[in-house]
């Protein structure tokens, strides 16, 4: 297979464009000038993302997402039950 002969700027642009969308939301194109900087910013994103997930859950890992009534969403206890 032939290798593409990209300039360093083109290579950097392709690396950025091929990154996952969540990275591109966090890292903007004008925030880095080298692949090393891009990699460091991606690592920062991963760190922040992990901390956000860790703090969004309670201290016991519970995210408060429990559904009452055994998962029955037809009446979660907040709506009155009407007689038939």
PDB file of N, CA and C in Angstrom:
ATOM      1  N   UNK A   1       0.837  -1.175   0.000  1.00  0.00           N
ATOM      2  CA  UNK A   1       0.000   0.000   0.000  1.00  0.00           C
ATOM      3  C   UNK A   1       0.883   1.240   0.000  1.00  0.00           C
ATOM      4  N   UNK A   2       0.542   2.213  -0.802  1.00  0.00           N
ATOM      5  CA  UNK A   2       1.317   3.456  -0.874  1.00  0.00           C
ATOM      6  C   UNK A   2       1.071   4.322   0.344  1.00  0.00           C
ATOM      7  N   UNK A   3       2.127   4.920   0.820  1.00  0.00           N
ATOM      8  CA  UNK A   3       1.983   5.837   1.936  1.00  0.00           C
ATOM      9  C   UNK A   3       1.624   7.210   1.415  1.00  0.00           C
ATOM     10  N   UNK A   4       0.721   7.858   2.112  1.00  0.00           N
ATOM     11  CA  UNK A   4       0.397   9.243   1.774  1.00  0.00           C
ATOM     12  C   UNK A   4       1.539  10.119   2.285  1.00  0.00           C
ATOM     13  N   UNK A   5       1.872  11.091   1.511  1.00  0.00           N
ATOM     14  CA  UNK A   5       2.957  11.991   1.915  1.00  0.00           C
ATOM     15  C   UNK A   5       2.344  13.305   2.385  1.00  0.00           C
ATOM     16  N   UNK A   6       1.933  13.281   3.644  1.00  0.00           N
ATOM     17  CA  UNK A   6       1.313  14.465   4.237  1.00  0.00           C
ATOM     18  C   UNK A   6       2.385  15.345   4.859  1.00  0.00           C
ATOM     19  N   UNK A   7       2.158  16.615   4.784  1.00  0.00           N
ATOM     20  CA  UNK A   7       3.017  17.546   5.517  1.00  0.00           C
ATOM     21  C   UNK A   7       2.650  17.421   6.998  1.00  0.00           C
ATOM     22  N   UNK A   8       3.517  17.880   7.888  1.00  0.00           N
ATOM     23  CA  UNK A   8       3.176  17.815   9.321  1.00  0.00           C
ATOM     24  C   UNK A   8       1.847  18.523   9.638  1.00  0.00           C
ATOM     25  N   UNK A   9       1.575  19.637   8.978  1.00  0.00           N
ATOM     26  CA  UNK A   9       0.321  20.348   9.219  1.00  0.00           C
ATOM     27  C   UNK A   9      -0.877  19.523   8.753  1.00  0.00           C
ATOM     28  N   UNK A  10      -0.759  18.866   7.593  1.00  0.00           N
ATOM     29  CA  UNK A  10      -1.845  18.022   7.096  1.00  0.00           C
ATOM     30  C   UNK A  10      -2.054  16.812   8.003  1.00  0.00           C
ATOM     31  N   UNK A  11      -0.953  16.250   8.478  1.00  0.00           N
ATOM     32  CA  UNK A  11      -1.031  15.099   9.372  1.00  0.00           C
ATOM     33  C   UNK A  11      -1.737  15.479  10.676  1.00  0.00           C
ATOM     34  N   UNK A  12      -1.391  16.641  11.202  1.00  0.00           N
ATOM     35  CA  UNK A  12      -2.021  17.136  12.423  1.00  0.00           C
ATOM     36  C   UNK A  12      -3.509  17.390  12.202  1.00  0.00           C
ATOM     37  N   UNK A  13      -3.847  17.969  11.069  1.00  0.00           N
ATOM     38  CA  UNK A  13      -5.245  18.237  10.747  1.00  0.00           C
ATOM     39  C   UNK A  13      -6.035  16.931  10.630  1.00  0.00           C
ATOM     40  N   UNK A  14      -5.448  15.919   9.989  1.00  0.00           N
ATOM     41  CA  UNK A  14      -6.137  14.625   9.857  1.00  0.00           C
ATOM     42  C   UNK A  14      -6.328  13.959  11.215  1.00  0.00           C
ATOM     43  N   UNK A  15      -5.338  14.059  12.071  1.00  0.00           N
ATOM     44  CA  UNK A  15      -5.465  13.482  13.417  1.00  0.00           C
ATOM     45  C   UNK A  15      -6.622  14.144  14.162  1.00  0.00           C
ATOM     46  N   UNK A  16      -6.730  15.459  14.049  1.00  0.00           N
ATOM     47  CA  UNK A  16      -7.808  16.191  14.714  1.00  0.00           C
ATOM     48  C   UNK A  16      -9.167  15.833  14.108  1.00  0.00           C
ATOM     49  N   UNK A  17      -9.249  15.820  12.798  1.00  0.00           N
ATOM     50  CA  UNK A  17     -10.517  15.529  12.124  1.00  0.00           C
ATOM     51  C   UNK A  17     -10.994  14.104  12.381  1.00  0.00           C
ATOM     52  N   UNK A  18     -10.070  13.175  12.610  1.00  0.00           N
ATOM     53  CA  UNK A  18     -10.436  11.784  12.865  1.00  0.00           C
ATOM     54  C   UNK A  18     -10.693  11.502  14.344  1.00  0.00           C
ATOM     55  N   UNK A  19     -10.524  12.510  15.182  1.00  0.00           N
ATOM     56  CA  UNK A  19     -10.784  12.325  16.607  1.00  0.00           C
ATOM     57  C   UNK A  19     -12.285  12.192  16.844  1.00  0.00           C
ATOM     58  N   UNK A  20     -12.623  11.570  17.941  1.00  0.00           N
ATOM     59  CA  UNK A  20     -14.033  11.411  18.311  1.00  0.00           C
ATOM     60  C   UNK A  20     -14.664  12.796  18.528  1.00  0.00           C
ATOM     61  N   UNK A  21     -15.951  12.929  18.258  1.00  0.00           N
ATOM     62  CA  UNK A  21     -16.622  14.232  18.386  1.00  0.00           C
ATOM     63  C   UNK A  21     -16.488  14.858  19.768  1.00  0.00           C
ATOM     64  N   UNK A  22     -16.533  14.050  20.835  1.00  0.00           N
ATOM     65  CA  UNK A  22     -16.425  14.631  22.168  1.00  0.00           C
ATOM     66  C   UNK A  22     -15.062  15.271  22.397  1.00  0.00           C
ATOM     67  N   UNK A  23     -14.021  14.739  21.762  1.00  0.00           N
ATOM     68  CA  UNK A  23     -12.709  15.377  21.861  1.00  0.00           C
ATOM     69  C   UNK A  23     -12.720  16.718  21.144  1.00  0.00           C
ATOM     70  N   UNK A  24     -13.323  16.751  19.968  1.00  0.00           N
ATOM     71  CA  UNK A  24     -13.327  17.991  19.194  1.00  0.00           C
ATOM     72  C   UNK A  24     -14.152  19.079  19.868  1.00  0.00           C
ATOM     73  N   UNK A  25     -15.131  18.705  20.706  1.00  0.00           N
ATOM     74  CA  UNK A  25     -15.867  19.704  21.471  1.00  0.00           C
ATOM     75  C   UNK A  25     -15.003  20.301  22.572  1.00  0.00           C
ATOM     76  N   UNK A  26     -14.126  19.483  23.138  1.00  0.00           N
ATOM     77  CA  UNK A  26     -13.262  19.933  24.227  1.00  0.00           C
ATOM     78  C   UNK A  26     -12.000  20.611  23.707  1.00  0.00           C
ATOM     79  N   UNK A  27     -11.406  20.053  22.663  1.00  0.00           N
ATOM     80  CA  UNK A  27     -10.148  20.557  22.102  1.00  0.00           C
ATOM     81  C   UNK A  27     -10.464  21.270  20.796  1.00  0.00           C
ATOM     82  N   UNK A  28     -10.163  22.534  20.742  1.00  0.00           N
ATOM     83  CA  UNK A  28     -10.385  23.298  19.514  1.00  0.00           C
ATOM     84  C   UNK A  28      -9.106  23.323  18.681  1.00  0.00           C
ATOM     85  N   UNK A  29      -9.299  23.458  17.386  1.00  0.00           N
ATOM     86  CA  UNK A  29      -8.175  23.387  16.450  1.00  0.00           C
ATOM     87  C   UNK A  29      -7.100  24.426  16.748  1.00  0.00           C
ATOM     88  N   UNK A  30      -7.506  25.583  17.227  1.00  0.00           N
ATOM     89  CA  UNK A  30      -6.519  26.649  17.494  1.00  0.00           C
ATOM     90  C   UNK A  30      -5.815  26.483  18.845  1.00  0.00           C
ATOM     91  N   UNK A  31      -6.162  25.420  19.617  1.00  0.00           N
ATOM     92  CA  UNK A  31      -5.575  25.219  20.937  1.00  0.00           C
ATOM     93  C   UNK A  31      -4.265  24.425  20.921  1.00  0.00           C
ATOM     94  N   UNK A  32      -3.860  23.908  19.776  1.00  0.00           N
ATOM     95  CA  UNK A  32      -2.653  23.092  19.722  1.00  0.00           C
ATOM     96  C   UNK A  32      -1.915  23.357  18.415  1.00  0.00           C
ATOM     97  N   UNK A  33      -0.605  23.076  18.445  1.00  0.00           N
ATOM     98  CA  UNK A  33       0.215  23.283  17.251  1.00  0.00           C
ATOM     99  C   UNK A  33       1.012  22.033  16.883  1.00  0.00           C
ATOM    100  N   UNK A  34       1.056  21.057  17.796  1.00  0.00           N
ATOM    101  CA  UNK A  34       1.798  19.819  17.540  1.00  0.00           C
ATOM    102  C   UNK A  34       0.947  18.617  17.953  1.00  0.00           C
ATOM    103  N   UNK A  35       1.351  17.434  17.490  1.00  0.00           N
ATOM    104  CA  UNK A  35       0.634  16.221  17.887  1.00  0.00           C
ATOM    105  C   UNK A  35       0.793  15.960  19.374  1.00  0.00           C
ATOM    106  N   UNK A  36       1.931  16.335  19.912  1.00  0.00           N
ATOM    107  CA  UNK A  36       2.150  16.163  21.349  1.00  0.00           C
ATOM    108  C   UNK A  36       1.141  16.982  22.138  1.00  0.00           C
ATOM    109  N   UNK A  37       0.934  18.235  21.733  1.00  0.00           N
ATOM    110  CA  UNK A  37      -0.044  19.084  22.409  1.00  0.00           C
ATOM    111  C   UNK A  37      -1.459  18.515  22.257  1.00  0.00           C
ATOM    112  N   UNK A  38      -1.783  18.020  21.080  1.00  0.00           N
ATOM    113  CA  UNK A  38      -3.097  17.415  20.845  1.00  0.00           C
ATOM    114  C   UNK A  38      -3.293  16.205  21.749  1.00  0.00           C
ATOM    115  N   UNK A  39      -2.267  15.381  21.871  1.00  0.00           N
ATOM    116  CA  UNK A  39      -2.336  14.203  22.730  1.00  0.00           C
ATOM    117  C   UNK A  39      -2.494  14.602  24.191  1.00  0.00           C
ATOM    118  N   UNK A  40      -1.767  15.633  24.618  1.00  0.00           N
ATOM    119  CA  UNK A  40      -1.872  16.101  25.998  1.00  0.00           C
ATOM    120  C   UNK A  40      -3.277  16.626  26.291  1.00  0.00           C
ATOM    121  N   UNK A  41      -3.851  17.337  25.335  1.00  0.00           N
ATOM    122  CA  UNK A  41      -5.202  17.865  25.536  1.00  0.00           C
ATOM    123  C   UNK A  41      -6.222  16.731  25.568  1.00  0.00           C
ATOM    124  N   UNK A  42      -6.016  15.700  24.783  1.00  0.00           N
ATOM    125  CA  UNK A  42      -6.909  14.539  24.817  1.00  0.00           C
ATOM    126  C   UNK A  42      -6.809  13.854  26.179  1.00  0.00           C
ATOM    127  N   UNK A  43      -5.605  13.768  26.722  1.00  0.00           N
ATOM    128  CA  UNK A  43      -5.422  13.180  28.048  1.00  0.00           C
ATOM    129  C   UNK A  43      -6.116  14.025  29.112  1.00  0.00           C
ATOM    130  N   UNK A  44      -6.050  15.351  28.986  1.00  0.00           N
ATOM    131  CA  UNK A  44      -6.749  16.243  29.914  1.00  0.00           C
ATOM    132  C   UNK A  44      -8.258  16.019  29.838  1.00  0.00           C
ATOM    133  N   UNK A  45      -8.756  15.850  28.622  1.00  0.00           N
ATOM    134  CA  UNK A  45     -10.180  15.589  28.443  1.00  0.00           C
ATOM    135  C   UNK A  45     -10.569  14.298  29.159  1.00  0.00           C
ATOM    136  N   UNK A  46      -9.779  13.246  28.970  1.00  0.00           N
ATOM    137  CA  UNK A  46     -10.066  11.971  29.621  1.00  0.00           C
ATOM    138  C   UNK A  46     -10.082  12.130  31.133  1.00  0.00           C
ATOM    139  N   UNK A  47      -9.136  12.875  31.665  1.00  0.00           N
ATOM    140  CA  UNK A  47      -9.055  13.098  33.108  1.00  0.00           C
ATOM    141  C   UNK A  47     -10.296  13.837  33.602  1.00  0.00           C
ATOM    142  N   UNK A  48     -10.660  14.919  32.921  1.00  0.00           N
ATOM    143  CA  UNK A  48     -11.838  15.700  33.304  1.00  0.00           C
ATOM    144  C   UNK A  48     -13.111  14.883  33.175  1.00  0.00           C
ATOM    145  N   UNK A  49     -13.206  14.094  32.127  1.00  0.00           N
ATOM    146  CA  UNK A  49     -14.383  13.261  31.902  1.00  0.00           C
ATOM    147  C   UNK A  49     -14.536  12.237  33.018  1.00  0.00           C
ATOM    148  N   UNK A  50     -13.433  11.606  33.411  1.00  0.00           N
ATOM    149  CA  UNK A  50     -13.471  10.634  34.502  1.00  0.00           C
ATOM    150  C   UNK A  50     -13.877  11.301  35.805  1.00  0.00           C
ATOM    151  N   UNK A  51     -13.336  12.486  36.095  1.00  0.00           N
ATOM    152  CA  UNK A  51     -13.692  13.200  37.321  1.00  0.00           C
ATOM    153  C   UNK A  51     -15.156  13.608  37.309  1.00  0.00           C
ATOM    154  N   UNK A  52     -15.667  14.021  36.173  1.00  0.00           N
ATOM    155  CA  UNK A  52     -17.067  14.403  36.058  1.00  0.00           C
ATOM    156  C   UNK A  52     -17.956  13.202  36.339  1.00  0.00           C
ATOM    157  N   UNK A  53     -17.633  12.067  35.767  1.00  0.00           N
ATOM    158  CA  UNK A  53     -18.420  10.860  36.002  1.00  0.00           C
ATOM    159  C   UNK A  53     -18.335  10.410  37.447  1.00  0.00           C
ATOM    160  N   UNK A  54     -17.160  10.557  38.037  1.00  0.00           N
ATOM    161  CA  UNK A  54     -16.991  10.138  39.420  1.00  0.00           C
ATOM    162  C   UNK A  54     -17.782  11.029  40.365  1.00  0.00           C
ATOM    163  N   UNK A  55     -17.840  12.333  40.092  1.00  0.00           N
ATOM    164  CA  UNK A  55     -18.534  13.249  40.988  1.00  0.00           C
ATOM    165  C   UNK A  55     -20.029  13.312  40.708  1.00  0.00           C
ATOM    166  N   UNK A  56     -20.475  12.877  39.538  1.00  0.00           N
ATOM    167  CA  UNK A  56     -21.906  12.915  39.252  1.00  0.00           C
ATOM    168  C   UNK A  56     -22.627  11.782  39.953  1.00  0.00           C
ATOM    169  N   UNK A  57     -21.908  10.742  40.347  1.00  0.00           N
ATOM    170  CA  UNK A  57     -22.490   9.651  41.108  1.00  0.00           C
ATOM    171  C   UNK A  57     -22.303   9.951  42.587  1.00  0.00           C
ATOM    172  N   UNK A  58     -23.151   9.390  43.395  1.00  0.00           N
ATOM    173  CA  UNK A  58     -23.032   9.584  44.832  1.00  0.00           C
ATOM    174  C   UNK A  58     -21.755   8.956  45.355  1.00  0.00           C
ATOM    175  N   UNK A  59     -21.472   9.161  46.641  1.00  0.00           N
ATOM    176  CA  UNK A  59     -20.244   8.611  47.209  1.00  0.00           C
ATOM    177  C   UNK A  59     -20.197   7.089  47.162  1.00  0.00           C
ATOM    178  N   UNK A  60     -21.354   6.451  47.102  1.00  0.00           N
ATOM    179  CA  UNK A  60     -21.377   4.993  47.041  1.00  0.00           C
ATOM    180  C   UNK A  60     -21.483   4.490  45.611  1.00  0.00           C
ATOM    181  N   UNK A  61     -21.324   5.381  44.642  1.00  0.00           N
ATOM    182  CA  UNK A  61     -21.408   4.991  43.245  1.00  0.00           C
ATOM    183  C   UNK A  61     -22.822   5.016  42.711  1.00  0.00           C
ATOM    184  N   UNK A  62     -23.790   5.377  43.559  1.00  0.00           N
ATOM    185  CA  UNK A  62     -25.193   5.422  43.158  1.00  0.00           C
ATOM    186  C   UNK A  62     -25.448   6.715  42.406  1.00  0.00           C
ATOM    187  N   UNK A  63     -26.017   6.602  41.244  1.00  0.00           N
ATOM    188  CA  UNK A  63     -26.308   7.801  40.454  1.00  0.00           C
ATOM    189  C   UNK A  63     -27.726   8.304  40.671  1.00  0.00           C
ATOM    190  N   UNK A  64     -28.472   7.705  41.606  1.00  0.00           N
ATOM    191  CA  UNK A  64     -29.825   8.164  41.895  1.00  0.00           C
ATOM    192  C   UNK A  64     -30.809   7.827  40.810  1.00  0.00           C
ATOM    193  N   UNK A  65     -30.481   6.858  39.988  1.00  0.00           N
ATOM    194  CA  UNK A  65     -31.296   6.537  38.822  1.00  0.00           C
ATOM    195  C   UNK A  65     -32.277   5.401  39.088  1.00  0.00           C
ATOM    196  N   UNK A  66     -32.415   5.005  40.339  1.00  0.00           N
ATOM    197  CA  UNK A  66     -33.293   3.878  40.646  1.00  0.00           C
ATOM    198  C   UNK A  66     -34.733   4.210  40.280  1.00  0.00           C
ATOM    199  N   UNK A  67     -35.405   3.241  39.716  1.00  0.00           N
ATOM    200  CA  UNK A  67     -36.793   3.431  39.302  1.00  0.00           C
ATOM    201  C   UNK A  67     -37.684   2.721  40.314  1.00  0.00           C
ATOM    202  N   UNK A  68     -38.653   3.439  40.906  1.00  0.00           N
ATOM    203  CA  UNK A  68     -39.550   2.770  41.843  1.00  0.00           C
ATOM    204  C   UNK A  68     -40.440   1.761  41.116  1.00  0.00           C
ATOM    205  N   UNK A  69     -41.129   0.945  41.874  1.00  0.00           N
ATOM    206  CA  UNK A  69     -42.065  -0.056  41.347  1.00  0.00           C
ATOM    207  C   UNK A  69     -41.355  -1.104  40.495  1.00  0.00           C
ATOM    208  N   UNK A  70     -40.120  -1.434  40.824  1.00  0.00           N
ATOM    209  CA  UNK A  70     -39.423  -2.501  40.118  1.00  0.00           C
ATOM    210  C   UNK A  70     -39.196  -2.228  38.648  1.00  0.00           C
ATOM    211  N   UNK A  71     -39.045  -0.983  38.256  1.00  0.00           N
ATOM    212  CA  UNK A  71     -38.776  -0.655  36.864  1.00  0.00           C
ATOM    213  C   UNK A  71     -40.029  -0.388  36.051  1.00  0.00           C
ATOM    214  N   UNK A  72     -41.197  -0.468  36.683  1.00  0.00           N
ATOM    215  CA  UNK A  72     -42.445  -0.185  35.972  1.00  0.00           C
ATOM    216  C   UNK A  72     -42.585   1.329  35.833  1.00  0.00           C
ATOM    217  N   UNK A  73     -42.421   1.826  34.630  1.00  0.00           N
ATOM    218  CA  UNK A  73     -42.493   3.272  34.402  1.00  0.00           C
ATOM    219  C   UNK A  73     -43.919   3.769  34.183  1.00  0.00           C
ATOM    220  N   UNK A  74     -44.908   2.861  34.191  1.00  0.00           N
ATOM    221  CA  UNK A  74     -46.275   3.298  33.948  1.00  0.00           C
ATOM    222  C   UNK A  74     -46.770   4.195  35.074  1.00  0.00           C
ATOM    223  N   UNK A  75     -46.311   3.969  36.300  1.00  0.00           N
ATOM    224  CA  UNK A  75     -46.637   4.846  37.412  1.00  0.00           C
ATOM    225  C   UNK A  75     -45.461   4.828  38.363  1.00  0.00           C
ATOM    226  N   UNK A  76     -44.688   5.881  38.350  1.00  0.00           N
ATOM    227  CA  UNK A  76     -43.486   5.930  39.168  1.00  0.00           C
ATOM    228  C   UNK A  76     -43.760   6.438  40.582  1.00  0.00           C
ATOM    229  N   UNK A  77     -45.037   6.537  40.962  1.00  0.00           N
ATOM    230  CA  UNK A  77     -45.368   6.994  42.296  1.00  0.00           C
ATOM    231  C   UNK A  77     -45.646   8.473  42.378  1.00  0.00           C
ATOM    232  N   UNK A  78     -45.423   9.194  41.305  1.00  0.00           N
ATOM    233  CA  UNK A  78     -45.654  10.640  41.323  1.00  0.00           C
ATOM    234  C   UNK A  78     -47.012  10.995  40.705  1.00  0.00           C
ATOM    235  N   UNK A  79     -47.622  10.068  40.004  1.00  0.00           N
ATOM    236  CA  UNK A  79     -48.932  10.327  39.416  1.00  0.00           C
ATOM    237  C   UNK A  79     -49.986   9.544  40.164  1.00  0.00           C
ATOM    238  N   UNK A  80     -51.135  10.131  40.387  1.00  0.00           N
ATOM    239  CA  UNK A  80     -52.182   9.393  41.095  1.00  0.00           C
ATOM    240  C   UNK A  80     -52.706   8.251  40.217  1.00  0.00           C
ATOM    241  N   UNK A  81     -53.090   7.180  40.872  1.00  0.00           N
ATOM    242  CA  UNK A  81     -53.662   6.039  40.162  1.00  0.00           C
ATOM    243  C   UNK A  81     -55.158   6.277  40.084  1.00  0.00           C
ATOM    244  N   UNK A  82     -55.693   6.309  38.877  1.00  0.00           N
ATOM    245  CA  UNK A  82     -57.109   6.513  38.674  1.00  0.00           C
ATOM    246  C   UNK A  82     -57.846   5.188  38.714  1.00  0.00           C
ATOM    247  N   UNK A  83     -59.017   5.162  39.349  1.00  0.00           N
ATOM    248  CA  UNK A  83     -59.782   3.911  39.378  1.00  0.00           C
ATOM    249  C   UNK A  83     -60.279   3.562  37.993  1.00  0.00           C
ATOM    250  N   UNK A  84     -60.423   2.270  37.732  1.00  0.00           N
ATOM    251  CA  UNK A  84     -60.923   1.816  36.418  1.00  0.00           C
ATOM    252  C   UNK A  84     -62.398   2.002  36.299  1.00  0.00           C
TER     253      UNK A  84
END
